[in-house]
Amino acid sequence: MFGIRADLATYGKVVAGGMPIGILAGKGAFMDALDGGQWRFGDDSYPEVGVTFFAGTFVRHPLTLAAVKAVLDHFEQQGPSLQQGLNERTTSWPED
Protein backbone atom coordinates (compact mmCIF):
# COMPACT_ATOMS: atom_id res chain seq x y z
CA MET A 1 0.00 0.00 0.00
CA PHE A 2 1.26 3.49 -0.86
CA GLY A 3 4.26 1.88 -2.59
CA ILE A 4 5.65 0.63 0.74
CA ARG A 5 7.28 -2.80 0.66
CA ALA A 6 7.92 -4.26 4.09
CA ASP A 7 11.19 -6.01 4.94
CA LEU A 8 9.33 -8.38 7.28
CA ALA A 9 5.67 -9.20 7.91
CA THR A 10 4.00 -11.27 10.60
CA TYR A 11 0.77 -13.25 10.41
CA GLY A 12 -1.14 -14.98 13.17
CA LYS A 13 -4.02 -17.32 13.88
CA VAL A 14 -6.20 -16.47 10.88
CA VAL A 15 -3.78 -18.31 8.59
CA ALA A 16 -4.31 -21.50 10.63
CA GLY A 17 -8.08 -21.17 10.97
CA GLY A 18 -7.74 -19.99 14.58
CA MET A 19 -5.14 -22.53 15.69
CA PRO A 20 -2.06 -21.16 17.46
CA ILE A 21 0.62 -20.13 14.98
CA GLY A 22 2.89 -17.25 14.15
CA ILE A 23 4.25 -16.75 10.67
CA LEU A 24 7.16 -14.55 9.70
CA ALA A 25 7.64 -13.72 6.02
CA GLY A 26 9.97 -11.32 4.32
CA LYS A 27 12.83 -10.51 2.04
CA GLY A 28 15.58 -13.08 1.66
CA ALA A 29 18.22 -10.89 3.25
CA PHE A 30 16.27 -11.02 6.50
CA MET A 31 14.81 -14.53 6.24
CA ASP A 32 18.12 -16.25 5.40
CA ALA A 33 19.06 -16.25 9.09
CA LEU A 34 16.00 -18.42 9.76
CA ASP A 35 16.13 -20.90 6.89
CA GLY A 36 19.76 -20.83 5.72
CA GLY A 37 19.14 -19.08 2.42
CA GLN A 38 18.13 -20.38 -1.01
CA TRP A 39 18.38 -24.14 -1.44
CA ARG A 40 16.30 -26.99 -2.83
CA PHE A 41 15.59 -30.35 -1.33
CA GLY A 42 16.95 -33.23 -3.40
CA ASP A 43 19.70 -31.46 -5.33
CA ASP A 44 23.28 -30.48 -4.46
CA SER A 45 22.34 -27.12 -2.93
CA TYR A 46 22.34 -26.62 0.82
CA PRO A 47 21.61 -23.85 3.35
CA GLU A 48 24.76 -21.72 3.11
CA VAL A 49 23.88 -19.05 5.68
CA GLY A 50 24.28 -19.74 9.39
CA VAL A 51 20.82 -19.97 10.95
CA THR A 52 19.47 -18.52 14.17
CA PHE A 53 17.84 -21.13 16.40
CA PHE A 54 14.14 -20.56 17.00
CA ALA A 55 11.55 -22.82 18.56
CA GLY A 56 8.20 -22.87 20.27
CA THR A 57 5.35 -25.14 21.26
CA PHE A 58 3.77 -25.15 17.81
CA VAL A 59 6.86 -24.85 15.61
CA ARG A 60 6.27 -27.29 12.75
CA HIS A 61 3.30 -28.84 14.59
CA PRO A 62 1.64 -31.29 12.13
CA LEU A 63 -1.97 -30.38 12.97
CA THR A 64 -1.32 -26.65 12.75
CA LEU A 65 0.56 -27.07 9.46
CA ALA A 66 -2.34 -29.11 8.04
CA ALA A 67 -4.74 -26.33 9.09
CA VAL A 68 -2.54 -23.70 7.41
CA LYS A 69 -2.50 -25.72 4.18
CA ALA A 70 -6.30 -26.06 4.24
CA VAL A 71 -6.80 -22.32 4.86
CA LEU A 72 -4.33 -21.28 2.15
CA ASP A 73 -5.93 -23.74 -0.31
CA HIS A 74 -9.32 -22.16 0.50
CA PHE A 75 -7.93 -18.65 -0.04
CA GLU A 76 -6.51 -19.73 -3.39
CA GLN A 77 -9.75 -21.43 -4.50
CA GLN A 78 -11.91 -18.44 -3.59
CA GLY A 79 -9.56 -15.89 -5.12
CA PRO A 80 -10.01 -12.13 -4.74
CA SER A 81 -13.79 -12.48 -4.30
CA LEU A 82 -13.23 -13.75 -0.75
CA GLN A 83 -11.63 -10.46 0.37
CA GLN A 84 -14.02 -8.37 -1.74
CA GLY A 85 -17.01 -10.03 -0.06
CA LEU A 86 -15.53 -9.42 3.38
CA ASN A 87 -14.90 -5.78 2.50
CA GLU A 88 -18.50 -5.37 1.34
CA ARG A 89 -19.92 -6.96 4.49
CA THR A 90 -17.83 -4.79 6.80
CA THR A 91 -18.51 -1.51 4.99
CA SER A 92 -22.26 -2.12 5.08
CA TRP A 93 -22.27 -2.78 8.84
CA PRO A 94 -25.48 -1.32 10.36
CA GLU A 95 -24.93 1.85 12.35
CA ASP A 96 -25.95 1.91 16.00
PDB file of N, CA and C in Angstrom:
ATOM      1  N   MET A   1       0.844  -1.174   0.000  1.00  0.00           N
ATOM      2  CA  MET A   1       0.000   0.000   0.000  1.00  0.00           C
ATOM      3  C   MET A   1       0.890   1.239   0.000  1.00  0.00           C
ATOM      4  N   PHE A   2       0.519   2.234  -0.753  1.00  0.00           N
ATOM      5  CA  PHE A   2       1.256   3.490  -0.859  1.00  0.00           C
ATOM      6  C   PHE A   2       2.678   3.273  -1.362  1.00  0.00           C
ATOM      7  N   GLY A   3       2.931   2.156  -2.066  1.00  0.00           N
ATOM      8  CA  GLY A   3       4.257   1.881  -2.588  1.00  0.00           C
ATOM      9  C   GLY A   3       5.252   1.396  -1.545  1.00  0.00           C
ATOM     10  N   ILE A   4       4.768   1.095  -0.340  1.00  0.00           N
ATOM     11  CA  ILE A   4       5.650   0.630   0.735  1.00  0.00           C
ATOM     12  C   ILE A   4       5.787  -0.885   0.643  1.00  0.00           C
ATOM     13  N   ARG A   5       7.014  -1.362   0.669  1.00  0.00           N
ATOM     14  CA  ARG A   5       7.280  -2.805   0.658  1.00  0.00           C
ATOM     15  C   ARG A   5       8.021  -3.148   1.948  1.00  0.00           C
ATOM     16  N   ALA A   6       7.369  -3.919   2.777  1.00  0.00           N
ATOM     17  CA  ALA A   6       7.923  -4.259   4.086  1.00  0.00           C
ATOM     18  C   ALA A   6       9.115  -5.204   3.954  1.00  0.00           C
ATOM     19  N   ASP A   7      10.072  -5.073   4.864  1.00  0.00           N
ATOM     20  CA  ASP A   7      11.187  -6.010   4.937  1.00  0.00           C
ATOM     21  C   ASP A   7      10.723  -7.320   5.565  1.00  0.00           C
ATOM     22  N   LEU A   8       9.873  -7.211   6.586  1.00  0.00           N
ATOM     23  CA  LEU A   8       9.328  -8.377   7.278  1.00  0.00           C
ATOM     24  C   LEU A   8       7.836  -8.161   7.531  1.00  0.00           C
ATOM     25  N   ALA A   9       7.094  -9.259   7.580  1.00  0.00           N
ATOM     26  CA  ALA A   9       5.667  -9.201   7.908  1.00  0.00           C
ATOM     27  C   ALA A   9       5.347 -10.383   8.819  1.00  0.00           C
ATOM     28  N   THR A  10       4.405 -10.186   9.720  1.00  0.00           N
ATOM     29  CA  THR A  10       3.996 -11.269  10.603  1.00  0.00           C
ATOM     30  C   THR A  10       2.508 -11.544  10.409  1.00  0.00           C
ATOM     31  N   TYR A  11       2.152 -12.801  10.536  1.00  0.00           N
ATOM     32  CA  TYR A  11       0.765 -13.246  10.409  1.00  0.00           C
ATOM     33  C   TYR A  11       0.465 -14.150  11.591  1.00  0.00           C
ATOM     34  N   GLY A  12      -0.776 -14.186  12.009  1.00  0.00           N
ATOM     35  CA  GLY A  12      -1.143 -14.983  13.171  1.00  0.00           C
ATOM     36  C   GLY A  12      -2.222 -16.000  12.877  1.00  0.00           C
ATOM     37  N   LYS A  13      -3.069 -16.209  13.849  1.00  0.00           N
ATOM     38  CA  LYS A  13      -4.020 -17.318  13.876  1.00  0.00           C
ATOM     39  C   LYS A  13      -4.928 -17.449  12.663  1.00  0.00           C
ATOM     40  N   VAL A  14      -5.268 -16.367  12.000  1.00  0.00           N
ATOM     41  CA  VAL A  14      -6.204 -16.472  10.881  1.00  0.00           C
ATOM     42  C   VAL A  14      -5.672 -17.421   9.808  1.00  0.00           C
ATOM     43  N   VAL A  15      -4.383 -17.464   9.620  1.00  0.00           N
ATOM     44  CA  VAL A  15      -3.784 -18.314   8.592  1.00  0.00           C
ATOM     45  C   VAL A  15      -3.941 -19.795   8.934  1.00  0.00           C
ATOM     46  N   ALA A  16      -4.136 -20.109  10.209  1.00  0.00           N
ATOM     47  CA  ALA A  16      -4.308 -21.505  10.629  1.00  0.00           C
ATOM     48  C   ALA A  16      -5.742 -21.772  11.067  1.00  0.00           C
ATOM     49  N   GLY A  17      -6.680 -20.949  10.619  1.00  0.00           N
ATOM     50  CA  GLY A  17      -8.079 -21.172  10.968  1.00  0.00           C
ATOM     51  C   GLY A  17      -8.341 -21.040  12.456  1.00  0.00           C
ATOM     52  N   GLY A  18      -7.566 -20.216  13.145  1.00  0.00           N
ATOM     53  CA  GLY A  18      -7.744 -19.991  14.580  1.00  0.00           C
ATOM     54  C   GLY A  18      -6.821 -20.796  15.468  1.00  0.00           C
ATOM     55  N   MET A  19      -6.092 -21.745  14.892  1.00  0.00           N
ATOM     56  CA  MET A  19      -5.143 -22.527  15.690  1.00  0.00           C
ATOM     57  C   MET A  19      -3.913 -21.672  15.997  1.00  0.00           C
ATOM     58  N   PRO A  20      -3.214 -21.976  17.086  1.00  0.00           N
ATOM     59  CA  PRO A  20      -2.057 -21.160  17.461  1.00  0.00           C
ATOM     60  C   PRO A  20      -0.909 -21.293  16.463  1.00  0.00           C
ATOM     61  N   ILE A  21      -0.511 -20.153  15.912  1.00  0.00           N
ATOM     62  CA  ILE A  21       0.618 -20.129  14.981  1.00  0.00           C
ATOM     63  C   ILE A  21       1.098 -18.693  14.835  1.00  0.00           C
ATOM     64  N   GLY A  22       2.330 -18.534  14.523  1.00  0.00           N
ATOM     65  CA  GLY A  22       2.894 -17.246  14.153  1.00  0.00           C
ATOM     66  C   GLY A  22       3.711 -17.460  12.901  1.00  0.00           C
ATOM     67  N   ILE A  23       3.527 -16.611  11.924  1.00  0.00           N
ATOM     68  CA  ILE A  23       4.248 -16.751  10.666  1.00  0.00           C
ATOM     69  C   ILE A  23       5.040 -15.474  10.414  1.00  0.00           C
ATOM     70  N   LEU A  24       6.282 -15.656  10.051  1.00  0.00           N
ATOM     71  CA  LEU A  24       7.156 -14.547   9.704  1.00  0.00           C
ATOM     72  C   LEU A  24       7.534 -14.721   8.236  1.00  0.00           C
ATOM     73  N   ALA A  25       7.319 -13.688   7.449  1.00  0.00           N
ATOM     74  CA  ALA A  25       7.644 -13.719   6.024  1.00  0.00           C
ATOM     75  C   ALA A  25       8.415 -12.452   5.693  1.00  0.00           C
ATOM     76  N   GLY A  26       9.245 -12.520   4.677  1.00  0.00           N
ATOM     77  CA  GLY A  26       9.974 -11.318   4.324  1.00  0.00           C
ATOM     78  C   GLY A  26      10.993 -11.527   3.235  1.00  0.00           C
ATOM     79  N   LYS A  27      11.793 -10.504   3.055  1.00  0.00           N
ATOM     80  CA  LYS A  27      12.835 -10.509   2.044  1.00  0.00           C
ATOM     81  C   LYS A  27      13.944 -11.482   2.439  1.00  0.00           C
ATOM     82  N   GLY A  28      14.544 -12.079   1.432  1.00  0.00           N
ATOM     83  CA  GLY A  28      15.579 -13.079   1.659  1.00  0.00           C
ATOM     84  C   GLY A  28      16.700 -12.625   2.563  1.00  0.00           C
ATOM     85  N   ALA A  29      17.102 -11.386   2.432  1.00  0.00           N
ATOM     86  CA  ALA A  29      18.215 -10.885   3.251  1.00  0.00           C
ATOM     87  C   ALA A  29      17.917 -11.009   4.738  1.00  0.00           C
ATOM     88  N   PHE A  30      16.658 -10.926   5.102  1.00  0.00           N
ATOM     89  CA  PHE A  30      16.267 -11.022   6.505  1.00  0.00           C
ATOM     90  C   PHE A  30      15.859 -12.450   6.890  1.00  0.00           C
ATOM     91  N   MET A  31      15.282 -13.178   5.955  1.00  0.00           N
ATOM     92  CA  MET A  31      14.808 -14.527   6.235  1.00  0.00           C
ATOM     93  C   MET A  31      15.924 -15.574   6.207  1.00  0.00           C
ATOM     94  N   ASP A  32      17.025 -15.279   5.519  1.00  0.00           N
ATOM     95  CA  ASP A  32      18.116 -16.250   5.404  1.00  0.00           C
ATOM     96  C   ASP A  32      18.609 -16.729   6.762  1.00  0.00           C
ATOM     97  N   ALA A  33      18.590 -15.864   7.757  1.00  0.00           N
ATOM     98  CA  ALA A  33      19.063 -16.250   9.089  1.00  0.00           C
ATOM     99  C   ALA A  33      18.144 -17.282   9.736  1.00  0.00           C
ATOM    100  N   LEU A  34      16.924 -17.439   9.210  1.00  0.00           N
ATOM    101  CA  LEU A  34      16.002 -18.424   9.764  1.00  0.00           C
ATOM    102  C   LEU A  34      16.016 -19.741   8.994  1.00  0.00           C
ATOM    103  N   ASP A  35      16.215 -19.670   7.677  1.00  0.00           N
ATOM    104  CA  ASP A  35      16.133 -20.900   6.888  1.00  0.00           C
ATOM    105  C   ASP A  35      17.426 -21.280   6.178  1.00  0.00           C
ATOM    106  N   GLY A  36      18.472 -20.487   6.323  1.00  0.00           N
ATOM    107  CA  GLY A  36      19.756 -20.835   5.723  1.00  0.00           C
ATOM    108  C   GLY A  36      19.959 -20.321   4.318  1.00  0.00           C
ATOM    109  N   GLY A  37      18.997 -19.611   3.769  1.00  0.00           N
ATOM    110  CA  GLY A  37      19.139 -19.078   2.415  1.00  0.00           C
ATOM    111  C   GLY A  37      18.528 -19.990   1.368  1.00  0.00           C
ATOM    112  N   GLN A  38      18.712 -19.623   0.103  1.00  0.00           N
ATOM    113  CA  GLN A  38      18.129 -20.375  -1.008  1.00  0.00           C
ATOM    114  C   GLN A  38      18.767 -21.758  -1.129  1.00  0.00           C
ATOM    115  N   TRP A  39      17.939 -22.784  -1.176  1.00  0.00           N
ATOM    116  CA  TRP A  39      18.382 -24.143  -1.437  1.00  0.00           C
ATOM    117  C   TRP A  39      17.167 -24.958  -1.820  1.00  0.00           C
ATOM    118  N   ARG A  40      17.399 -26.121  -2.409  1.00  0.00           N
ATOM    119  CA  ARG A  40      16.304 -26.991  -2.833  1.00  0.00           C
ATOM    120  C   ARG A  40      16.545 -28.394  -2.323  1.00  0.00           C
ATOM    121  N   PHE A  41      15.510 -28.977  -1.802  1.00  0.00           N
ATOM    122  CA  PHE A  41      15.587 -30.354  -1.331  1.00  0.00           C
ATOM    123  C   PHE A  41      15.805 -31.282  -2.522  1.00  0.00           C
ATOM    124  N   GLY A  42      16.737 -32.207  -2.381  1.00  0.00           N
ATOM    125  CA  GLY A  42      16.946 -33.226  -3.396  1.00  0.00           C
ATOM    126  C   GLY A  42      18.016 -32.923  -4.420  1.00  0.00           C
ATOM    127  N   ASP A  43      18.599 -31.726  -4.408  1.00  0.00           N
ATOM    128  CA  ASP A  43      19.700 -31.461  -5.325  1.00  0.00           C
ATOM    129  C   ASP A  43      20.978 -31.201  -4.514  1.00  0.00           C
ATOM    130  N   ASP A  44      22.005 -30.677  -5.144  1.00  0.00           N
ATOM    131  CA  ASP A  44      23.280 -30.481  -4.459  1.00  0.00           C
ATOM    132  C   ASP A  44      23.354 -29.192  -3.645  1.00  0.00           C
ATOM    133  N   SER A  45      22.309 -28.373  -3.694  1.00  0.00           N
ATOM    134  CA  SER A  45      22.335 -27.123  -2.931  1.00  0.00           C
ATOM    135  C   SER A  45      22.128 -27.418  -1.446  1.00  0.00           C
ATOM    136  N   TYR A  46      22.487 -26.464  -0.616  1.00  0.00           N
ATOM    137  CA  TYR A  46      22.342 -26.615   0.823  1.00  0.00           C
ATOM    138  C   TYR A  46      22.232 -25.230   1.458  1.00  0.00           C
ATOM    139  N   PRO A  47      21.696 -25.156   2.668  1.00  0.00           N
ATOM    140  CA  PRO A  47      21.608 -23.855   3.348  1.00  0.00           C
ATOM    141  C   PRO A  47      23.013 -23.327   3.632  1.00  0.00           C
ATOM    142  N   GLU A  48      23.395 -22.236   2.991  1.00  0.00           N
ATOM    143  CA  GLU A  48      24.757 -21.715   3.108  1.00  0.00           C
ATOM    144  C   GLU A  48      24.908 -20.657   4.186  1.00  0.00           C
ATOM    145  N   VAL A  49      23.826 -20.110   4.678  1.00  0.00           N
ATOM    146  CA  VAL A  49      23.882 -19.054   5.681  1.00  0.00           C
ATOM    147  C   VAL A  49      23.676 -19.682   7.055  1.00  0.00           C
ATOM    148  N   GLY A  50      24.475 -19.257   8.033  1.00  0.00           N
ATOM    149  CA  GLY A  50      24.275 -19.745   9.389  1.00  0.00           C
ATOM    150  C   GLY A  50      22.903 -19.336   9.897  1.00  0.00           C
ATOM    151  N   VAL A  51      22.193 -20.256  10.513  1.00  0.00           N
ATOM    152  CA  VAL A  51      20.822 -19.965  10.946  1.00  0.00           C
ATOM    153  C   VAL A  51      20.760 -19.633  12.428  1.00  0.00           C
ATOM    154  N   THR A  52      19.764 -18.850  12.781  1.00  0.00           N
ATOM    155  CA  THR A  52      19.471 -18.521  14.169  1.00  0.00           C
ATOM    156  C   THR A  52      18.482 -19.545  14.689  1.00  0.00           C
ATOM    157  N   PHE A  53      18.748 -20.138  15.823  1.00  0.00           N
ATOM    158  CA  PHE A  53      17.835 -21.131  16.395  1.00  0.00           C
ATOM    159  C   PHE A  53      16.551 -20.448  16.844  1.00  0.00           C
ATOM    160  N   PHE A  54      15.424 -21.033  16.492  1.00  0.00           N
ATOM    161  CA  PHE A  54      14.141 -20.560  16.996  1.00  0.00           C
ATOM    162  C   PHE A  54      13.253 -21.772  17.221  1.00  0.00           C
ATOM    163  N   ALA A  55      12.414 -21.691  18.228  1.00  0.00           N
ATOM    164  CA  ALA A  55      11.554 -22.820  18.563  1.00  0.00           C
ATOM    165  C   ALA A  55      10.337 -22.315  19.327  1.00  0.00           C
ATOM    166  N   GLY A  56       9.399 -23.191  19.517  1.00  0.00           N
ATOM    167  CA  GLY A  56       8.196 -22.871  20.269  1.00  0.00           C
ATOM    168  C   GLY A  56       7.304 -24.099  20.322  1.00  0.00           C
ATOM    169  N   THR A  57       6.247 -24.001  21.074  1.00  0.00           N
ATOM    170  CA  THR A  57       5.349 -25.136  21.265  1.00  0.00           C
ATOM    171  C   THR A  57       4.779 -25.648  19.950  1.00  0.00           C
ATOM    172  N   PHE A  58       4.424 -24.737  19.052  1.00  0.00           N
ATOM    173  CA  PHE A  58       3.770 -25.153  17.813  1.00  0.00           C
ATOM    174  C   PHE A  58       4.653 -24.996  16.579  1.00  0.00           C
ATOM    175  N   VAL A  59       5.961 -24.924  16.760  1.00  0.00           N
ATOM    176  CA  VAL A  59       6.857 -24.849  15.614  1.00  0.00           C
ATOM    177  C   VAL A  59       6.789 -26.187  14.871  1.00  0.00           C
ATOM    178  N   ARG A  60       6.389 -26.107  13.633  1.00  0.00           N
ATOM    179  CA  ARG A  60       6.269 -27.290  12.752  1.00  0.00           C
ATOM    180  C   ARG A  60       5.288 -28.328  13.294  1.00  0.00           C
ATOM    181  N   HIS A  61       4.288 -27.912  14.037  1.00  0.00           N
ATOM    182  CA  HIS A  61       3.299 -28.844  14.586  1.00  0.00           C
ATOM    183  C   HIS A  61       2.437 -29.379  13.437  1.00  0.00           C
ATOM    184  N   PRO A  62       2.322 -30.713  13.289  1.00  0.00           N
ATOM    185  CA  PRO A  62       1.635 -31.292  12.125  1.00  0.00           C
ATOM    186  C   PRO A  62       0.172 -30.863  11.980  1.00  0.00           C
ATOM    187  N   LEU A  63      -0.569 -30.771  13.068  1.00  0.00           N
ATOM    188  CA  LEU A  63      -1.973 -30.381  12.973  1.00  0.00           C
ATOM    189  C   LEU A  63      -2.101 -28.920  12.546  1.00  0.00           C
ATOM    190  N   THR A  64      -1.286 -28.067  13.120  1.00  0.00           N
ATOM    191  CA  THR A  64      -1.323 -26.650  12.754  1.00  0.00           C
ATOM    192  C   THR A  64      -0.902 -26.463  11.300  1.00  0.00           C
ATOM    193  N   LEU A  65       0.129 -27.179  10.859  1.00  0.00           N
ATOM    194  CA  LEU A  65       0.564 -27.066   9.464  1.00  0.00           C
ATOM    195  C   LEU A  65      -0.513 -27.564   8.508  1.00  0.00           C
ATOM    196  N   ALA A  66      -1.235 -28.624   8.871  1.00  0.00           N
ATOM    197  CA  ALA A  66      -2.341 -29.107   8.036  1.00  0.00           C
ATOM    198  C   ALA A  66      -3.448 -28.057   7.960  1.00  0.00           C
ATOM    199  N   ALA A  67      -3.720 -27.389   9.081  1.00  0.00           N
ATOM    200  CA  ALA A  67      -4.736 -26.332   9.090  1.00  0.00           C
ATOM    201  C   ALA A  67      -4.318 -25.176   8.198  1.00  0.00           C
ATOM    202  N   VAL A  68      -3.045 -24.789   8.260  1.00  0.00           N
ATOM    203  CA  VAL A  68      -2.543 -23.702   7.410  1.00  0.00           C
ATOM    204  C   VAL A  68      -2.708 -24.071   5.940  1.00  0.00           C
ATOM    205  N   LYS A  69      -2.361 -25.291   5.583  1.00  0.00           N
ATOM    206  CA  LYS A  69      -2.497 -25.719   4.182  1.00  0.00           C
ATOM    207  C   LYS A  69      -3.955 -25.643   3.743  1.00  0.00           C
ATOM    208  N   ALA A  70      -4.877 -26.101   4.587  1.00  0.00           N
ATOM    209  CA  ALA A  70      -6.298 -26.058   4.236  1.00  0.00           C
ATOM    210  C   ALA A  70      -6.785 -24.622   4.054  1.00  0.00           C
ATOM    211  N   VAL A  71      -6.381 -23.730   4.955  1.00  0.00           N
ATOM    212  CA  VAL A  71      -6.798 -22.324   4.859  1.00  0.00           C
ATOM    213  C   VAL A  71      -6.226 -21.683   3.604  1.00  0.00           C
ATOM    214  N   LEU A  72      -4.941 -21.886   3.336  1.00  0.00           N
ATOM    215  CA  LEU A  72      -4.333 -21.282   2.152  1.00  0.00           C
ATOM    216  C   LEU A  72      -4.929 -21.851   0.865  1.00  0.00           C
ATOM    217  N   ASP A  73      -5.250 -23.147   0.851  1.00  0.00           N
ATOM    218  CA  ASP A  73      -5.929 -23.738  -0.310  1.00  0.00           C
ATOM    219  C   ASP A  73      -7.287 -23.071  -0.517  1.00  0.00           C
ATOM    220  N   HIS A  74      -8.019 -22.834   0.579  1.00  0.00           N
ATOM    221  CA  HIS A  74      -9.325 -22.162   0.496  1.00  0.00           C
ATOM    222  C   HIS A  74      -9.168 -20.746  -0.049  1.00  0.00           C
ATOM    223  N   PHE A  75      -8.185 -20.002   0.462  1.00  0.00           N
ATOM    224  CA  PHE A  75      -7.931 -18.650  -0.037  1.00  0.00           C
ATOM    225  C   PHE A  75      -7.670 -18.682  -1.543  1.00  0.00           C
ATOM    226  N   GLU A  76      -6.851 -19.634  -1.971  1.00  0.00           N
ATOM    227  CA  GLU A  76      -6.509 -19.725  -3.386  1.00  0.00           C
ATOM    228  C   GLU A  76      -7.735 -20.080  -4.228  1.00  0.00           C
ATOM    229  N   GLN A  77      -8.553 -21.024  -3.759  1.00  0.00           N
ATOM    230  CA  GLN A  77      -9.753 -21.429  -4.500  1.00  0.00           C
ATOM    231  C   GLN A  77     -10.757 -20.289  -4.637  1.00  0.00           C
ATOM    232  N   GLN A  78     -10.931 -19.521  -3.575  1.00  0.00           N
ATOM    233  CA  GLN A  78     -11.909 -18.437  -3.585  1.00  0.00           C
ATOM    234  C   GLN A  78     -11.425 -17.220  -4.361  1.00  0.00           C
ATOM    235  N   GLY A  79     -10.119 -17.014  -4.389  1.00  0.00           N
ATOM    236  CA  GLY A  79      -9.556 -15.889  -5.120  1.00  0.00           C
ATOM    237  C   GLY A  79      -9.921 -14.549  -4.493  1.00  0.00           C
ATOM    238  N   PRO A  80      -9.766 -13.474  -5.256  1.00  0.00           N
ATOM    239  CA  PRO A  80     -10.007 -12.127  -4.736  1.00  0.00           C
ATOM    240  C   PRO A  80     -11.439 -11.899  -4.233  1.00  0.00           C
ATOM    241  N   SER A  81     -12.401 -12.675  -4.720  1.00  0.00           N
ATOM    242  CA  SER A  81     -13.794 -12.475  -4.300  1.00  0.00           C
ATOM    243  C   SER A  81     -13.975 -12.701  -2.800  1.00  0.00           C
ATOM    244  N   LEU A  82     -13.138 -13.518  -2.194  1.00  0.00           N
ATOM    245  CA  LEU A  82     -13.234 -13.750  -0.751  1.00  0.00           C
ATOM    246  C   LEU A  82     -12.998 -12.447   0.013  1.00  0.00           C
ATOM    247  N   GLN A  83     -11.929 -11.733  -0.306  1.00  0.00           N
ATOM    248  CA  GLN A  83     -11.628 -10.461   0.366  1.00  0.00           C
ATOM    249  C   GLN A  83     -12.631  -9.386  -0.031  1.00  0.00           C
ATOM    250  N   GLN A  84     -13.044  -9.367  -1.289  1.00  0.00           N
ATOM    251  CA  GLN A  84     -14.022  -8.372  -1.737  1.00  0.00           C
ATOM    252  C   GLN A  84     -15.343  -8.537  -0.987  1.00  0.00           C
ATOM    253  N   GLY A  85     -15.772  -9.774  -0.804  1.00  0.00           N
ATOM    254  CA  GLY A  85     -17.008 -10.028  -0.057  1.00  0.00           C
ATOM    255  C   GLY A  85     -16.891  -9.595   1.390  1.00  0.00           C
ATOM    256  N   LEU A  86     -15.748  -9.858   1.997  1.00  0.00           N
ATOM    257  CA  LEU A  86     -15.525  -9.421   3.378  1.00  0.00           C
ATOM    258  C   LEU A  86     -15.551  -7.898   3.467  1.00  0.00           C
ATOM    259  N   ASN A  87     -14.903  -7.237   2.519  1.00  0.00           N
ATOM    260  CA  ASN A  87     -14.904  -5.777   2.503  1.00  0.00           C
ATOM    261  C   ASN A  87     -16.327  -5.224   2.376  1.00  0.00           C
ATOM    262  N   GLU A  88     -17.124  -5.825   1.519  1.00  0.00           N
ATOM    263  CA  GLU A  88     -18.504  -5.369   1.340  1.00  0.00           C
ATOM    264  C   GLU A  88     -19.328  -5.555   2.613  1.00  0.00           C
ATOM    265  N   ARG A  89     -19.164  -6.703   3.259  1.00  0.00           N
ATOM    266  CA  ARG A  89     -19.925  -6.962   4.487  1.00  0.00           C
ATOM    267  C   ARG A  89     -19.530  -6.017   5.612  1.00  0.00           C
ATOM    268  N   THR A  90     -18.251  -5.664   5.706  1.00  0.00           N
ATOM    269  CA  THR A  90     -17.826  -4.795   6.803  1.00  0.00           C
ATOM    270  C   THR A  90     -18.120  -3.324   6.533  1.00  0.00           C
ATOM    271  N   THR A  91     -18.183  -2.914   5.270  1.00  0.00           N
ATOM    272  CA  THR A  91     -18.510  -1.510   4.987  1.00  0.00           C
ATOM    273  C   THR A  91     -20.011  -1.251   5.071  1.00  0.00           C
ATOM    274  N   SER A  92     -20.810  -2.302   4.993  1.00  0.00           N
ATOM    275  CA  SER A  92     -22.257  -2.115   5.076  1.00  0.00           C
ATOM    276  C   SER A  92     -22.781  -2.462   6.475  1.00  0.00           C
ATOM    277  N   TRP A  93     -21.907  -2.462   7.460  1.00  0.00           N
ATOM    278  CA  TRP A  93     -22.275  -2.778   8.843  1.00  0.00           C
ATOM    279  C   TRP A  93     -23.339  -1.778   9.320  1.00  0.00           C
ATOM    280  N   PRO A  94     -24.430  -2.248   9.917  1.00  0.00           N
ATOM    281  CA  PRO A  94     -25.479  -1.320  10.362  1.00  0.00           C
ATOM    282  C   PRO A  94     -24.956  -0.384  11.445  1.00  0.00           C
ATOM    283  N   GLU A  95     -25.343   0.859  11.338  1.00  0.00           N
ATOM    284  CA  GLU A  95     -24.929   1.845  12.348  1.00  0.00           C
ATOM    285  C   GLU A  95     -25.792   1.680  13.589  1.00  0.00           C
ATOM    286  N   ASP A  96     -25.211   2.003  14.745  1.00  0.00           N
ATOM    287  CA  ASP A  96     -25.952   1.907  16.004  1.00  0.00           C
ATOM    288  C   ASP A  96     -26.911   3.057  16.163  1.00  0.00           C
TER     289      ASP A  96
END
